[in-house]
């Protein structure tokens, strides 16, 4: 049975639609809940994949949330072991940080539904080839990052240039949230931390509009999620690649 380690930061940012897909495929999932156990030191022994979820904190708050430094080291270990990695929102920023990129506030917060366009590299990527040229995707973030050295930019948007990237052939960072369904979006709208975000952008982002647009776009997002995450699961447990064997000599 293939084993995954999933780093979780807050109770309301979960695997979402990815969870039933992984269970259906027979994956064993080990959660590391840093919100409850900030001193956790997870191991990657006999692990086939690493998933790092989103959260309300910033990568740059390591003094306040020391587990973020732990996660950067964990990601670097996974890179050394050539273990497939998926980062969502905060997770994508942590991977970028582990690869030496900078994380900083985006000029504008993206909260709600936004157009995201695939790049030329994205059009031929195994995960993103199922995307239309522009997709309406769900976002909730205030930070962004520089593209890590050696990474391919796969998707971009008007307000946030770096929406998705691939490093090597088995490490992906997604700034947007493919994993949400309608109940999860509705939950996020009432979480106190998220309501603080909405208060900061009052007048520019309307929660009622987000709810209405969720009804319009959620079905298409769930279908895209199934195809994209389904393609990613094929990376778990693959044999070591030639570049990894050379690095280990």
Protein backbone atom coordinates (compact mmCIF):
# COMPACT_ATOMS: atom_id res chain seq x y z
CA UNK A 1 0.00 0.00 0.00
CA UNK A 2 1.36 3.41 -0.98
CA UNK A 3 1.85 5.82 1.91
CA UNK A 4 1.44 9.60 1.87
CA UNK A 5 2.36 12.22 4.44
CA UNK A 6 -0.03 15.20 4.48
CA UNK A 7 0.98 18.39 6.32
CA UNK A 8 -2.06 20.22 7.69
CA UNK A 9 -1.94 23.66 9.32
CA UNK A 10 -5.52 24.62 10.20
CA UNK A 11 -8.65 22.45 10.62
CA UNK A 12 -10.55 24.03 7.73
CA UNK A 13 -7.86 23.55 5.06
CA UNK A 14 -8.11 19.87 4.16
CA UNK A 15 -7.60 17.50 1.25
CA UNK A 16 -11.20 18.11 0.22
CA UNK A 17 -12.07 16.46 -3.09
CA UNK A 18 -8.60 14.89 -3.23
CA UNK A 19 -9.29 12.71 -0.17
CA UNK A 20 -11.91 10.32 -1.61
CA UNK A 21 -9.82 9.93 -4.77
CA UNK A 22 -6.78 8.88 -2.74
CA UNK A 23 -8.82 6.48 -0.58
CA UNK A 24 -10.43 4.97 -3.67
CA UNK A 25 -6.97 4.32 -5.08
CA UNK A 26 -5.92 2.59 -1.85
CA UNK A 27 -3.48 5.14 -0.45
CA UNK A 28 -2.61 5.13 3.24
CA UNK A 29 -2.70 8.74 4.46
CA UNK A 30 -0.73 9.93 7.49
CA UNK A 31 -1.72 13.42 8.61
CA UNK A 32 0.72 15.65 10.43
CA UNK A 33 -1.47 18.26 12.12
CA UNK A 34 0.88 21.12 12.93
CA UNK A 35 -2.01 23.16 14.34
CA UNK A 36 -2.39 20.63 17.16
CA UNK A 37 1.20 19.37 17.28
CA UNK A 38 3.50 22.25 16.26
CA UNK A 39 6.57 20.35 17.51
CA UNK A 40 5.93 17.31 15.29
CA UNK A 41 8.95 15.92 13.45
CA UNK A 42 7.53 13.74 10.67
CA UNK A 43 9.63 11.09 8.95
CA UNK A 44 9.70 10.29 5.25
CA UNK A 45 10.84 6.71 5.78
CA UNK A 46 8.94 4.40 3.42
CA UNK A 47 6.85 7.32 2.16
CA UNK A 48 5.69 7.51 -1.46
CA UNK A 49 4.49 11.13 -1.53
CA UNK A 50 4.24 14.40 0.38
CA UNK A 51 1.31 16.81 0.26
CA UNK A 52 1.51 20.22 1.96
CA UNK A 53 -1.85 21.95 2.42
CA UNK A 54 -2.83 25.59 2.82
CA UNK A 55 -3.10 27.74 5.92
CA UNK A 56 -3.79 31.23 7.18
CA UNK A 57 -0.20 32.00 8.20
CA UNK A 58 2.63 33.35 6.05
CA UNK A 59 5.83 31.50 5.26
CA UNK A 60 7.60 34.57 6.66
CA UNK A 61 6.10 34.00 10.14
CA UNK A 62 8.57 31.29 11.11
CA UNK A 63 9.30 32.93 14.46
CA UNK A 64 5.61 32.68 15.34
CA UNK A 65 5.10 29.29 13.67
CA UNK A 66 8.40 27.35 13.98
CA UNK A 67 6.83 24.30 12.31
CA UNK A 68 7.11 26.16 9.00
CA UNK A 69 10.89 25.78 9.21
CA UNK A 70 10.36 22.09 9.98
CA UNK A 71 8.29 21.78 6.84
CA UNK A 72 10.87 23.51 4.67
CA UNK A 73 13.44 20.97 5.87
CA UNK A 74 10.96 18.13 5.27
CA UNK A 75 10.39 19.33 1.70
CA UNK A 76 14.14 19.52 1.13
CA UNK A 77 14.46 15.94 2.38
CA UNK A 78 11.71 14.86 0.00
CA UNK A 79 13.53 16.59 -2.85
CA UNK A 80 16.73 14.72 -1.98
CA UNK A 81 14.83 11.42 -1.91
CA UNK A 82 13.03 12.24 -5.19
CA UNK A 83 9.65 11.81 -3.49
CA UNK A 84 6.71 13.41 -5.37
CA UNK A 85 5.47 16.60 -3.68
CA UNK A 86 2.28 18.59 -4.07
CA UNK A 87 1.87 21.99 -2.41
CA UNK A 88 -1.44 23.85 -2.29
CA UNK A 89 -1.50 27.61 -1.55
CA UNK A 90 0.72 27.93 1.56
CA UNK A 91 2.14 24.55 0.53
CA UNK A 92 3.22 25.94 -2.84
CA UNK A 93 4.91 28.84 -1.06
CA UNK A 94 6.74 26.49 1.31
CA UNK A 95 8.06 24.45 -1.62
CA UNK A 96 9.18 27.67 -3.31
CA UNK A 97 10.95 28.70 -0.08
CA UNK A 98 12.63 25.29 0.15
CA UNK A 99 13.91 25.80 -3.40
CA UNK A 100 15.44 29.18 -2.53
CA UNK A 101 12.68 31.47 -3.84
CA UNK A 102 11.31 34.52 -2.04
CA UNK A 103 7.79 34.69 -0.56
CA UNK A 104 6.16 38.09 -0.14
CA UNK A 105 2.74 39.81 -0.14
CA UNK A 106 0.94 39.84 -3.46
CA UNK A 107 -0.10 43.35 -4.61
CA UNK A 108 -3.73 42.28 -4.08
CA UNK A 109 -5.41 39.49 -2.16
CA UNK A 110 -7.15 36.96 -4.40
CA UNK A 111 -10.29 35.71 -2.66
CA UNK A 112 -13.00 34.02 -4.68
CA UNK A 113 -13.20 32.97 -8.33
CA UNK A 114 -10.57 34.18 -10.80
CA UNK A 115 -9.50 33.45 -14.35
CA UNK A 116 -6.26 31.45 -14.46
CA UNK A 117 -4.51 30.84 -17.78
CA UNK A 118 -2.12 28.01 -18.60
CA UNK A 119 1.26 28.81 -20.11
CA UNK A 120 2.79 27.08 -23.12
CA UNK A 121 4.60 24.77 -20.69
CA UNK A 122 1.31 24.09 -18.92
CA UNK A 123 -0.39 23.04 -22.14
CA UNK A 124 1.96 20.06 -22.50
CA UNK A 125 2.32 19.25 -18.80
CA UNK A 126 0.92 15.84 -17.71
CA UNK A 127 -1.28 17.46 -15.05
CA UNK A 128 -2.27 20.67 -16.78
CA UNK A 129 -2.90 19.35 -20.28
CA UNK A 130 -6.53 18.77 -19.20
CA UNK A 131 -6.96 22.52 -18.54
CA UNK A 132 -8.67 24.80 -21.01
CA UNK A 133 -6.59 27.83 -22.00
CA UNK A 134 -8.35 29.79 -19.23
CA UNK A 135 -10.15 28.26 -16.26
CA UNK A 136 -12.20 29.85 -13.48
CA UNK A 137 -10.52 28.69 -10.26
CA UNK A 138 -11.01 29.31 -6.55
CA UNK A 139 -8.43 31.36 -4.66
CA UNK A 140 -7.77 32.49 -1.11
CA UNK A 141 -4.32 33.97 -0.60
CA UNK A 142 -2.46 37.15 0.19
CA UNK A 143 1.15 36.08 -0.49
CA UNK A 144 2.98 35.06 -3.63
CA UNK A 145 6.53 33.98 -4.51
CA UNK A 146 9.27 34.28 -7.08
CA UNK A 147 9.48 31.34 -9.45
CA UNK A 148 12.09 28.92 -8.08
CA UNK A 149 15.24 28.47 -10.17
CA UNK A 150 14.81 25.51 -12.50
CA UNK A 151 11.00 25.47 -12.20
CA UNK A 152 8.55 25.66 -15.11
CA UNK A 153 5.69 28.16 -14.83
CA UNK A 154 2.47 26.32 -15.69
CA UNK A 155 -0.27 28.86 -14.97
CA UNK A 156 -0.67 32.58 -14.39
CA UNK A 157 -3.36 35.18 -13.69
CA UNK A 158 -3.85 38.91 -14.07
CA UNK A 159 -3.34 39.67 -10.37
CA UNK A 160 -0.79 36.98 -9.52
CA UNK A 161 1.84 35.96 -12.06
CA UNK A 162 2.92 32.67 -10.47
CA UNK A 163 -0.16 30.48 -10.10
CA UNK A 164 1.34 27.03 -10.64
CA UNK A 165 4.76 25.54 -11.31
CA UNK A 166 6.54 22.22 -11.72
CA UNK A 167 10.03 21.44 -10.47
CA UNK A 168 11.71 18.43 -12.08
CA UNK A 169 8.91 16.10 -13.13
CA UNK A 170 7.28 15.24 -9.80
CA UNK A 171 7.08 18.42 -7.69
CA UNK A 172 4.08 20.73 -8.17
CA UNK A 173 3.04 23.97 -6.47
CA UNK A 174 -0.53 25.25 -6.93
CA UNK A 175 -1.41 28.71 -5.64
CA UNK A 176 -5.12 28.11 -6.26
CA UNK A 177 -7.48 25.62 -4.61
CA UNK A 178 -8.60 22.72 -6.81
CA UNK A 179 -9.60 20.74 -3.73
CA UNK A 180 -12.64 22.76 -2.64
CA UNK A 181 -16.29 21.78 -2.97
CA UNK A 182 -19.32 23.94 -2.16
CA UNK A 183 -19.55 23.02 1.57
CA UNK A 184 -15.85 23.79 2.00
CA UNK A 185 -16.17 27.20 0.33
CA UNK A 186 -19.16 28.01 2.56
CA UNK A 187 -17.16 26.96 5.61
CA UNK A 188 -14.23 29.17 4.63
CA UNK A 189 -16.50 32.20 4.34
CA UNK A 190 -17.44 32.01 8.04
CA UNK A 191 -14.06 31.06 9.55
CA UNK A 192 -12.93 33.97 11.80
CA UNK A 193 -9.46 34.19 10.24
CA UNK A 194 -10.99 34.34 6.76
CA UNK A 195 -13.58 36.89 7.82
CA UNK A 196 -10.68 39.11 8.88
CA UNK A 197 -9.32 38.81 5.33
CA UNK A 198 -12.72 39.77 3.94
CA UNK A 199 -12.93 42.75 6.29
CA UNK A 200 -9.58 44.02 4.99
CA UNK A 201 -10.87 44.04 1.41
CA UNK A 202 -14.40 45.22 2.21
CA UNK A 203 -15.95 46.87 -0.81
CA UNK A 204 -13.71 45.02 -3.29
CA UNK A 205 -14.68 41.42 -2.55
CA UNK A 206 -18.28 40.50 -1.69
CA UNK A 207 -18.91 37.16 0.09
CA UNK A 208 -22.39 36.97 -1.47
CA UNK A 209 -20.87 37.22 -4.93
CA UNK A 210 -18.45 34.42 -4.02
CA UNK A 211 -21.39 32.24 -2.98
CA UNK A 212 -23.23 32.97 -6.23
CA UNK A 213 -20.17 32.29 -8.35
CA UNK A 214 -19.54 29.07 -6.44
CA UNK A 215 -22.92 27.76 -7.59
CA UNK A 216 -21.91 28.61 -11.16
CA UNK A 217 -18.37 27.24 -11.23
CA UNK A 218 -18.07 24.48 -8.62
CA UNK A 219 -19.17 21.57 -10.81
CA UNK A 220 -16.56 22.34 -13.47
CA UNK A 221 -13.91 22.75 -10.77
CA UNK A 222 -14.71 19.36 -9.26
CA UNK A 223 -14.34 17.71 -12.67
CA UNK A 224 -11.01 19.47 -13.22
CA UNK A 225 -9.91 18.43 -9.74
CA UNK A 226 -10.69 14.78 -10.48
CA UNK A 227 -8.61 14.80 -13.66
CA UNK A 228 -5.69 16.82 -12.27
CA UNK A 229 -5.34 15.04 -8.94
CA UNK A 230 -5.91 11.72 -10.69
CA UNK A 231 -2.91 12.42 -12.90
CA UNK A 232 -0.82 13.40 -9.88
CA UNK A 233 -1.52 10.14 -8.04
CA UNK A 234 0.26 8.29 -10.87
CA UNK A 235 3.51 9.88 -9.69
CA UNK A 236 3.34 8.28 -6.25
CA UNK A 237 5.45 5.21 -5.77
CA UNK A 238 7.23 5.37 -9.11
CA UNK A 239 10.75 3.95 -9.36
CA UNK A 240 13.70 6.24 -8.76
CA UNK A 241 14.60 8.34 -11.76
CA UNK A 242 18.06 8.44 -13.35
CA UNK A 243 18.83 11.95 -12.07
CA UNK A 244 18.11 10.85 -8.49
CA UNK A 245 20.44 7.84 -8.72
CA UNK A 246 23.21 10.08 -10.02
CA UNK A 247 22.68 12.51 -7.14
CA UNK A 248 22.90 9.69 -4.59
CA UNK A 249 26.29 8.42 -5.74
